[in-house]
Amino acid sequence: MTALSVKLTFYIPNAFSLKDKRQVCRSLVDKTQKRFNASVSEVDTQDVHKTLTIGVAVVSADAAHARRSMDEIIRYMEEHTDAELIMVEE
């Protein structure tokens, strides 16, 4: 069994309040969880309205499958938000 996790940091240029940020976060987390069998949650910078930090975890019996899934999730998250991915921590 292989477990992978990443911490993704996004910059949200159009967020002028925490409400704007939470809307982007909720949308991105919900869409990602529905599409993939992965754990996705906001994990840091909750009080910073221009920065969104999301944690993603994937568990698989096959290490190669886990890596492919994680890469696909990251790519999906980049493509389905107006926020800019600025950091990936593995």
PDB file of N, CA and C in Angstrom:
ATOM      1  N   MET A   1       0.844  -1.176   0.000  1.00  0.00           N
ATOM      2  CA  MET A   1       0.000   0.000   0.000  1.00  0.00           C
ATOM      3  C   MET A   1       0.888   1.238   0.000  1.00  0.00           C
ATOM      4  N   THR A   2       0.488   2.223  -0.809  1.00  0.00           N
ATOM      5  CA  THR A   2       1.227   3.476  -0.923  1.00  0.00           C
ATOM      6  C   THR A   2       0.298   4.637  -0.610  1.00  0.00           C
ATOM      7  N   ALA A   3       0.773   5.545   0.215  1.00  0.00           N
ATOM      8  CA  ALA A   3       0.024   6.762   0.529  1.00  0.00           C
ATOM      9  C   ALA A   3       0.867   7.964   0.109  1.00  0.00           C
ATOM     10  N   LEU A   4       0.275   8.849  -0.661  1.00  0.00           N
ATOM     11  CA  LEU A   4       0.945  10.076  -1.090  1.00  0.00           C
ATOM     12  C   LEU A   4       0.142  11.269  -0.599  1.00  0.00           C
ATOM     13  N   SER A   5       0.859  12.315  -0.264  1.00  0.00           N
ATOM     14  CA  SER A   5       0.173  13.555   0.099  1.00  0.00           C
ATOM     15  C   SER A   5       0.957  14.734  -0.451  1.00  0.00           C
ATOM     16  N   VAL A   6       0.234  15.779  -0.791  1.00  0.00           N
ATOM     17  CA  VAL A   6       0.846  17.025  -1.243  1.00  0.00           C
ATOM     18  C   VAL A   6       0.111  18.190  -0.608  1.00  0.00           C
ATOM     19  N   LYS A   7       0.833  19.285  -0.508  1.00  0.00           N
ATOM     20  CA  LYS A   7       0.247  20.534  -0.048  1.00  0.00           C
ATOM     21  C   LYS A   7       0.379  21.520  -1.198  1.00  0.00           C
ATOM     22  N   LEU A   8      -0.752  22.006  -1.696  1.00  0.00           N
ATOM     23  CA  LEU A   8      -0.788  22.917  -2.831  1.00  0.00           C
ATOM     24  C   LEU A   8      -1.145  24.314  -2.341  1.00  0.00           C
ATOM     25  N   THR A   9      -0.370  25.298  -2.768  1.00  0.00           N
ATOM     26  CA  THR A   9      -0.644  26.679  -2.397  1.00  0.00           C
ATOM     27  C   THR A   9      -1.039  27.451  -3.649  1.00  0.00           C
ATOM     28  N   PHE A  10      -2.192  28.084  -3.582  1.00  0.00           N
ATOM     29  CA  PHE A  10      -2.723  28.866  -4.690  1.00  0.00           C
ATOM     30  C   PHE A  10      -2.771  30.334  -4.306  1.00  0.00           C
ATOM     31  N   TYR A  11      -2.554  31.196  -5.296  1.00  0.00           N
ATOM     32  CA  TYR A  11      -2.737  32.636  -5.137  1.00  0.00           C
ATOM     33  C   TYR A  11      -4.041  33.000  -5.832  1.00  0.00           C
ATOM     34  N   ILE A  12      -4.926  33.706  -5.127  1.00  0.00           N
ATOM     35  CA  ILE A  12      -6.231  34.073  -5.672  1.00  0.00           C
ATOM     36  C   ILE A  12      -6.262  35.590  -5.861  1.00  0.00           C
ATOM     37  N   PRO A  13      -5.949  36.069  -7.061  1.00  0.00           N
ATOM     38  CA  PRO A  13      -5.852  37.520  -7.275  1.00  0.00           C
ATOM     39  C   PRO A  13      -7.188  38.246  -7.139  1.00  0.00           C
ATOM     40  N   ASN A  14      -8.307  37.579  -7.399  1.00  0.00           N
ATOM     41  CA  ASN A  14      -9.617  38.225  -7.358  1.00  0.00           C
ATOM     42  C   ASN A  14     -10.344  38.062  -6.034  1.00  0.00           C
ATOM     43  N   ALA A  15      -9.654  37.597  -5.001  1.00  0.00           N
ATOM     44  CA  ALA A  15     -10.280  37.446  -3.680  1.00  0.00           C
ATOM     45  C   ALA A  15     -10.020  38.718  -2.866  1.00  0.00           C
ATOM     46  N   PHE A  16     -11.079  39.429  -2.579  1.00  0.00           N
ATOM     47  CA  PHE A  16     -10.949  40.661  -1.814  1.00  0.00           C
ATOM     48  C   PHE A  16     -11.473  40.519  -0.389  1.00  0.00           C
ATOM     49  N   SER A  17     -11.950  39.316  -0.067  1.00  0.00           N
ATOM     50  CA  SER A  17     -12.422  39.035   1.285  1.00  0.00           C
ATOM     51  C   SER A  17     -12.287  37.533   1.532  1.00  0.00           C
ATOM     52  N   LEU A  18     -12.440  37.140   2.790  1.00  0.00           N
ATOM     53  CA  LEU A  18     -12.410  35.713   3.113  1.00  0.00           C
ATOM     54  C   LEU A  18     -13.594  34.986   2.490  1.00  0.00           C
ATOM     55  N   LYS A  19     -14.695  35.689   2.303  1.00  0.00           N
ATOM     56  CA  LYS A  19     -15.859  35.090   1.654  1.00  0.00           C
ATOM     57  C   LYS A  19     -15.537  34.714   0.205  1.00  0.00           C
ATOM     58  N   ASP A  20     -14.834  35.588  -0.507  1.00  0.00           N
ATOM     59  CA  ASP A  20     -14.408  35.285  -1.878  1.00  0.00           C
ATOM     60  C   ASP A  20     -13.495  34.060  -1.903  1.00  0.00           C
ATOM     61  N   LYS A  21     -12.568  34.029  -0.967  1.00  0.00           N
ATOM     62  CA  LYS A  21     -11.627  32.904  -0.890  1.00  0.00           C
ATOM     63  C   LYS A  21     -12.367  31.602  -0.594  1.00  0.00           C
ATOM     64  N   ARG A  22     -13.268  31.624   0.350  1.00  0.00           N
ATOM     65  CA  ARG A  22     -13.992  30.406   0.723  1.00  0.00           C
ATOM     66  C   ARG A  22     -14.835  29.877  -0.437  1.00  0.00           C
ATOM     67  N   GLN A  23     -15.349  30.767  -1.254  1.00  0.00           N
ATOM     68  CA  GLN A  23     -16.124  30.354  -2.419  1.00  0.00           C
ATOM     69  C   GLN A  23     -15.226  29.596  -3.408  1.00  0.00           C
ATOM     70  N   VAL A  24     -14.041  30.118  -3.657  1.00  0.00           N
ATOM     71  CA  VAL A  24     -13.083  29.452  -4.542  1.00  0.00           C
ATOM     72  C   VAL A  24     -12.675  28.112  -3.936  1.00  0.00           C
ATOM     73  N   CYS A  25     -12.379  28.098  -2.654  1.00  0.00           N
ATOM     74  CA  CYS A  25     -11.958  26.879  -1.961  1.00  0.00           C
ATOM     75  C   CYS A  25     -13.039  25.809  -2.020  1.00  0.00           C
ATOM     76  N   ARG A  26     -14.236  26.173  -1.642  1.00  0.00           N
ATOM     77  CA  ARG A  26     -15.335  25.203  -1.610  1.00  0.00           C
ATOM     78  C   ARG A  26     -15.579  24.606  -2.995  1.00  0.00           C
ATOM     79  N   SER A  27     -15.564  25.447  -4.013  1.00  0.00           N
ATOM     80  CA  SER A  27     -15.786  24.983  -5.373  1.00  0.00           C
ATOM     81  C   SER A  27     -14.694  24.006  -5.812  1.00  0.00           C
ATOM     82  N   LEU A  28     -13.450  24.376  -5.589  1.00  0.00           N
ATOM     83  CA  LEU A  28     -12.328  23.542  -6.012  1.00  0.00           C
ATOM     84  C   LEU A  28     -12.279  22.219  -5.247  1.00  0.00           C
ATOM     85  N   VAL A  29     -12.477  22.272  -3.946  1.00  0.00           N
ATOM     86  CA  VAL A  29     -12.456  21.051  -3.126  1.00  0.00           C
ATOM     87  C   VAL A  29     -13.605  20.122  -3.520  1.00  0.00           C
ATOM     88  N   ASP A  30     -14.804  20.667  -3.658  1.00  0.00           N
ATOM     89  CA  ASP A  30     -15.969  19.840  -4.008  1.00  0.00           C
ATOM     90  C   ASP A  30     -15.809  19.180  -5.372  1.00  0.00           C
ATOM     91  N   LYS A  31     -15.384  19.956  -6.375  1.00  0.00           N
ATOM     92  CA  LYS A  31     -15.200  19.402  -7.718  1.00  0.00           C
ATOM     93  C   LYS A  31     -14.151  18.298  -7.726  1.00  0.00           C
ATOM     94  N   THR A  32     -13.068  18.510  -6.998  1.00  0.00           N
ATOM     95  CA  THR A  32     -11.970  17.531  -6.977  1.00  0.00           C
ATOM     96  C   THR A  32     -12.396  16.258  -6.256  1.00  0.00           C
ATOM     97  N   GLN A  33     -13.081  16.395  -5.123  1.00  0.00           N
ATOM     98  CA  GLN A  33     -13.531  15.215  -4.382  1.00  0.00           C
ATOM     99  C   GLN A  33     -14.541  14.399  -5.178  1.00  0.00           C
ATOM    100  N   LYS A  34     -15.405  15.061  -5.924  1.00  0.00           N
ATOM    101  CA  LYS A  34     -16.401  14.338  -6.714  1.00  0.00           C
ATOM    102  C   LYS A  34     -15.775  13.580  -7.877  1.00  0.00           C
ATOM    103  N   ARG A  35     -14.726  14.139  -8.444  1.00  0.00           N
ATOM    104  CA  ARG A  35     -14.101  13.512  -9.617  1.00  0.00           C
ATOM    105  C   ARG A  35     -13.120  12.403  -9.254  1.00  0.00           C
ATOM    106  N   PHE A  36     -12.405  12.549  -8.128  1.00  0.00           N
ATOM    107  CA  PHE A  36     -11.354  11.603  -7.750  1.00  0.00           C
ATOM    108  C   PHE A  36     -11.669  10.985  -6.386  1.00  0.00           C
ATOM    109  N   ASN A  37     -11.162   9.822  -6.156  1.00  0.00           N
ATOM    110  CA  ASN A  37     -11.306   9.165  -4.861  1.00  0.00           C
ATOM    111  C   ASN A  37     -10.099   9.563  -4.002  1.00  0.00           C
ATOM    112  N   ALA A  38     -10.115  10.800  -3.541  1.00  0.00           N
ATOM    113  CA  ALA A  38      -8.987  11.338  -2.776  1.00  0.00           C
ATOM    114  C   ALA A  38      -9.520  12.217  -1.652  1.00  0.00           C
ATOM    115  N   SER A  39      -8.699  12.395  -0.654  1.00  0.00           N
ATOM    116  CA  SER A  39      -9.036  13.288   0.441  1.00  0.00           C
ATOM    117  C   SER A  39      -8.489  14.673   0.111  1.00  0.00           C
ATOM    118  N   VAL A  40      -9.366  15.690   0.141  1.00  0.00           N
ATOM    119  CA  VAL A  40      -8.989  17.052  -0.239  1.00  0.00           C
ATOM    120  C   VAL A  40      -9.565  18.005   0.798  1.00  0.00           C
ATOM    121  N   SER A  41      -8.703  18.901   1.320  1.00  0.00           N
ATOM    122  CA  SER A  41      -9.183  19.827   2.342  1.00  0.00           C
ATOM    123  C   SER A  41      -8.275  21.048   2.429  1.00  0.00           C
ATOM    124  N   GLU A  42      -8.845  22.179   2.853  1.00  0.00           N
ATOM    125  CA  GLU A  42      -8.032  23.356   3.139  1.00  0.00           C
ATOM    126  C   GLU A  42      -7.256  23.067   4.427  1.00  0.00           C
ATOM    127  N   VAL A  43      -5.950  23.269   4.408  1.00  0.00           N
ATOM    128  CA  VAL A  43      -5.123  22.862   5.543  1.00  0.00           C
ATOM    129  C   VAL A  43      -4.341  23.992   6.206  1.00  0.00           C
ATOM    130  N   ASP A  44      -4.278  25.157   5.591  1.00  0.00           N
ATOM    131  CA  ASP A  44      -3.475  26.237   6.159  1.00  0.00           C
ATOM    132  C   ASP A  44      -3.950  27.565   5.575  1.00  0.00           C
ATOM    133  N   THR A  45      -3.418  28.640   6.061  1.00  0.00           N
ATOM    134  CA  THR A  45      -3.699  30.019   5.620  1.00  0.00           C
ATOM    135  C   THR A  45      -5.195  30.337   5.573  1.00  0.00           C
ATOM    136  N   GLN A  46      -5.947  29.857   6.551  1.00  0.00           N
ATOM    137  CA  GLN A  46      -7.390  30.094   6.566  1.00  0.00           C
ATOM    138  C   GLN A  46      -7.753  31.574   6.692  1.00  0.00           C
ATOM    139  N   ASP A  47      -6.902  32.380   7.306  1.00  0.00           N
ATOM    140  CA  ASP A  47      -7.222  33.790   7.543  1.00  0.00           C
ATOM    141  C   ASP A  47      -6.563  34.740   6.550  1.00  0.00           C
ATOM    142  N   VAL A  48      -5.937  34.219   5.499  1.00  0.00           N
ATOM    143  CA  VAL A  48      -5.292  35.046   4.478  1.00  0.00           C
ATOM    144  C   VAL A  48      -6.144  34.964   3.221  1.00  0.00           C
ATOM    145  N   HIS A  49      -6.763  36.084   2.842  1.00  0.00           N
ATOM    146  CA  HIS A  49      -7.772  36.013   1.786  1.00  0.00           C
ATOM    147  C   HIS A  49      -7.229  35.838   0.375  1.00  0.00           C
ATOM    148  N   LYS A  50      -5.969  36.056   0.114  1.00  0.00           N
ATOM    149  CA  LYS A  50      -5.408  35.873  -1.231  1.00  0.00           C
ATOM    150  C   LYS A  50      -4.658  34.554  -1.386  1.00  0.00           C
ATOM    151  N   THR A  51      -4.467  33.821  -0.311  1.00  0.00           N
ATOM    152  CA  THR A  51      -3.699  32.579  -0.351  1.00  0.00           C
ATOM    153  C   THR A  51      -4.572  31.414   0.101  1.00  0.00           C
ATOM    154  N   LEU A  52      -4.566  30.344  -0.697  1.00  0.00           N
ATOM    155  CA  LEU A  52      -5.338  29.138  -0.405  1.00  0.00           C
ATOM    156  C   LEU A  52      -4.380  27.956  -0.361  1.00  0.00           C
ATOM    157  N   THR A  53      -4.374  27.229   0.744  1.00  0.00           N
ATOM    158  CA  THR A  53      -3.509  26.059   0.890  1.00  0.00           C
ATOM    159  C   THR A  53      -4.388  24.833   1.062  1.00  0.00           C
ATOM    160  N   ILE A  54      -4.239  23.896   0.124  1.00  0.00           N
ATOM    161  CA  ILE A  54      -5.059  22.694   0.100  1.00  0.00           C
ATOM    162  C   ILE A  54      -4.169  21.463   0.225  1.00  0.00           C
ATOM    163  N   GLY A  55      -4.585  20.529   1.074  1.00  0.00           N
ATOM    164  CA  GLY A  55      -3.897  19.252   1.212  1.00  0.00           C
ATOM    165  C   GLY A  55      -4.652  18.184   0.445  1.00  0.00           C
ATOM    166  N   VAL A  56      -3.910  17.316  -0.227  1.00  0.00           N
ATOM    167  CA  VAL A  56      -4.506  16.214  -0.988  1.00  0.00           C
ATOM    168  C   VAL A  56      -3.801  14.933  -0.581  1.00  0.00           C
ATOM    169  N   ALA A  57      -4.573  13.868  -0.319  1.00  0.00           N
ATOM    170  CA  ALA A  57      -3.996  12.573   0.026  1.00  0.00           C
ATOM    171  C   ALA A  57      -4.617  11.491  -0.849  1.00  0.00           C
ATOM    172  N   VAL A  58      -3.758  10.573  -1.316  1.00  0.00           N
ATOM    173  CA  VAL A  58      -4.177   9.461  -2.153  1.00  0.00           C
ATOM    174  C   VAL A  58      -3.583   8.184  -1.587  1.00  0.00           C
ATOM    175  N   VAL A  59      -4.378   7.133  -1.510  1.00  0.00           N
ATOM    176  CA  VAL A  59      -3.904   5.821  -1.058  1.00  0.00           C
ATOM    177  C   VAL A  59      -4.213   4.812  -2.155  1.00  0.00           C
ATOM    178  N   SER A  60      -3.211   3.974  -2.475  1.00  0.00           N
ATOM    179  CA  SER A  60      -3.388   2.976  -3.524  1.00  0.00           C
ATOM    180  C   SER A  60      -2.520   1.766  -3.219  1.00  0.00           C
ATOM    181  N   ALA A  61      -2.907   0.628  -3.753  1.00  0.00           N
ATOM    182  CA  ALA A  61      -2.110  -0.584  -3.590  1.00  0.00           C
ATOM    183  C   ALA A  61      -0.867  -0.535  -4.465  1.00  0.00           C
ATOM    184  N   ASP A  62      -0.892   0.281  -5.508  1.00  0.00           N
ATOM    185  CA  ASP A  62       0.201   0.372  -6.469  1.00  0.00           C
ATOM    186  C   ASP A  62       0.812   1.778  -6.431  1.00  0.00           C
ATOM    187  N   ALA A  63       2.117   1.862  -6.227  1.00  0.00           N
ATOM    188  CA  ALA A  63       2.795   3.158  -6.127  1.00  0.00           C
ATOM    189  C   ALA A  63       2.681   3.958  -7.421  1.00  0.00           C
ATOM    190  N   ALA A  64       2.796   3.300  -8.563  1.00  0.00           N
ATOM    191  CA  ALA A  64       2.708   3.995  -9.846  1.00  0.00           C
ATOM    192  C   ALA A  64       1.303   4.571 -10.048  1.00  0.00           C
ATOM    193  N   HIS A  65       0.299   3.822  -9.660  1.00  0.00           N
ATOM    194  CA  HIS A  65      -1.084   4.311  -9.779  1.00  0.00           C
ATOM    195  C   HIS A  65      -1.308   5.519  -8.868  1.00  0.00           C
ATOM    196  N   ALA A  66      -0.771   5.461  -7.664  1.00  0.00           N
ATOM    197  CA  ALA A  66      -0.909   6.575  -6.728  1.00  0.00           C
ATOM    198  C   ALA A  66      -0.251   7.830  -7.303  1.00  0.00           C
ATOM    199  N   ARG A  67       0.927   7.698  -7.887  1.00  0.00           N
ATOM    200  CA  ARG A  67       1.650   8.833  -8.463  1.00  0.00           C
ATOM    201  C   ARG A  67       0.888   9.414  -9.657  1.00  0.00           C
ATOM    202  N   ARG A  68       0.379   8.542 -10.527  1.00  0.00           N
ATOM    203  CA  ARG A  68      -0.401   9.011 -11.686  1.00  0.00           C
ATOM    204  C   ARG A  68      -1.666   9.739 -11.227  1.00  0.00           C
ATOM    205  N   SER A  69      -2.326   9.186 -10.223  1.00  0.00           N
ATOM    206  CA  SER A  69      -3.539   9.818  -9.692  1.00  0.00           C
ATOM    207  C   SER A  69      -3.235  11.195  -9.118  1.00  0.00           C
ATOM    208  N   MET A  70      -2.153  11.292  -8.361  1.00  0.00           N
ATOM    209  CA  MET A  70      -1.793  12.574  -7.754  1.00  0.00           C
ATOM    210  C   MET A  70      -1.450  13.601  -8.833  1.00  0.00           C
ATOM    211  N   ASP A  71      -0.701  13.196  -9.843  1.00  0.00           N
ATOM    212  CA  ASP A  71      -0.369  14.106 -10.940  1.00  0.00           C
ATOM    213  C   ASP A  71      -1.628  14.588 -11.651  1.00  0.00           C
ATOM    214  N   GLU A  72      -2.577  13.684 -11.868  1.00  0.00           N
ATOM    215  CA  GLU A  72      -3.822  14.034 -12.536  1.00  0.00           C
ATOM    216  C   GLU A  72      -4.654  14.990 -11.678  1.00  0.00           C
ATOM    217  N   ILE A  73      -4.671  14.767 -10.379  1.00  0.00           N
ATOM    218  CA  ILE A  73      -5.405  15.651  -9.462  1.00  0.00           C
ATOM    219  C   ILE A  73      -4.815  17.052  -9.489  1.00  0.00           C
ATOM    220  N   ILE A  74      -3.496  17.152  -9.423  1.00  0.00           N
ATOM    221  CA  ILE A  74      -2.838  18.465  -9.440  1.00  0.00           C
ATOM    222  C   ILE A  74      -3.144  19.191 -10.752  1.00  0.00           C
ATOM    223  N   ARG A  75      -3.032  18.485 -11.858  1.00  0.00           N
ATOM    224  CA  ARG A  75      -3.323  19.066 -13.169  1.00  0.00           C
ATOM    225  C   ARG A  75      -4.788  19.536 -13.235  1.00  0.00           C
ATOM    226  N   TYR A  76      -5.695  18.707 -12.751  1.00  0.00           N
ATOM    227  CA  TYR A  76      -7.122  19.048 -12.738  1.00  0.00           C
ATOM    228  C   TYR A  76      -7.369  20.317 -11.907  1.00  0.00           C
ATOM    229  N   MET A  77      -6.764  20.384 -10.740  1.00  0.00           N
ATOM    230  CA  MET A  77      -6.971  21.540  -9.866  1.00  0.00           C
ATOM    231  C   MET A  77      -6.428  22.818 -10.503  1.00  0.00           C
ATOM    232  N   GLU A  78      -5.308  22.718 -11.180  1.00  0.00           N
ATOM    233  CA  GLU A  78      -4.751  23.884 -11.876  1.00  0.00           C
ATOM    234  C   GLU A  78      -5.690  24.386 -12.973  1.00  0.00           C
ATOM    235  N   GLU A  79      -6.303  23.452 -13.694  1.00  0.00           N
ATOM    236  CA  GLU A  79      -7.131  23.800 -14.850  1.00  0.00           C
ATOM    237  C   GLU A  79      -8.544  24.253 -14.479  1.00  0.00           C
ATOM    238  N   HIS A  80      -9.010  23.926 -13.279  1.00  0.00           N
ATOM    239  CA  HIS A  80     -10.403  24.202 -12.924  1.00  0.00           C
ATOM    240  C   HIS A  80     -10.575  25.283 -11.869  1.00  0.00           C
ATOM    241  N   THR A  81      -9.673  26.239 -11.862  1.00  0.00           N
ATOM    242  CA  THR A  81      -9.813  27.388 -10.975  1.00  0.00           C
ATOM    243  C   THR A  81      -9.132  28.596 -11.598  1.00  0.00           C
ATOM    244  N   ASP A  82      -9.574  29.778 -11.181  1.00  0.00           N
ATOM    245  CA  ASP A  82      -8.931  31.012 -11.630  1.00  0.00           C
ATOM    246  C   ASP A  82      -7.699  31.318 -10.795  1.00  0.00           C
ATOM    247  N   ALA A  83      -7.528  30.595  -9.703  1.00  0.00           N
ATOM    248  CA  ALA A  83      -6.371  30.807  -8.833  1.00  0.00           C
ATOM    249  C   ALA A  83      -5.110  30.236  -9.495  1.00  0.00           C
ATOM    250  N   GLU A  84      -3.984  30.816  -9.141  1.00  0.00           N
ATOM    251  CA  GLU A  84      -2.702  30.396  -9.705  1.00  0.00           C
ATOM    252  C   GLU A  84      -1.968  29.482  -8.719  1.00  0.00           C
ATOM    253  N   LEU A  85      -1.579  28.298  -9.174  1.00  0.00           N
ATOM    254  CA  LEU A  85      -0.810  27.387  -8.338  1.00  0.00           C
ATOM    255  C   LEU A  85       0.600  27.932  -8.215  1.00  0.00           C
ATOM    256  N   ILE A  86       1.016  28.251  -6.987  1.00  0.00           N
ATOM    257  CA  ILE A  86       2.338  28.863  -6.806  1.00  0.00           C
ATOM    258  C   ILE A  86       3.331  27.942  -6.093  1.00  0.00           C
ATOM    259  N   MET A  87       2.847  26.881  -5.441  1.00  0.00           N
ATOM    260  CA  MET A  87       3.758  25.988  -4.746  1.00  0.00           C
ATOM    261  C   MET A  87       3.153  24.605  -4.574  1.00  0.00           C
ATOM    262  N   VAL A  88       4.003  23.586  -4.776  1.00  0.00           N
ATOM    263  CA  VAL A  88       3.614  22.193  -4.545  1.00  0.00           C
ATOM    264  C   VAL A  88       4.645  21.613  -3.593  1.00  0.00           C
ATOM    265  N   GLU A  89       4.192  21.173  -2.419  1.00  0.00           N
ATOM    266  CA  GLU A  89       5.085  20.547  -1.437  1.00  0.00           C
ATOM    267  C   GLU A  89       4.692  19.089  -1.268  1.00  0.00           C
ATOM    268  N   GLU A  90       5.651  18.207  -1.521  1.00  0.00           N
ATOM    269  CA  GLU A  90       5.373  16.771  -1.366  1.00  0.00           C
ATOM    270  C   GLU A  90       5.896  16.269  -0.050  1.00  0.00           C
TER     271      GLU A  90
END
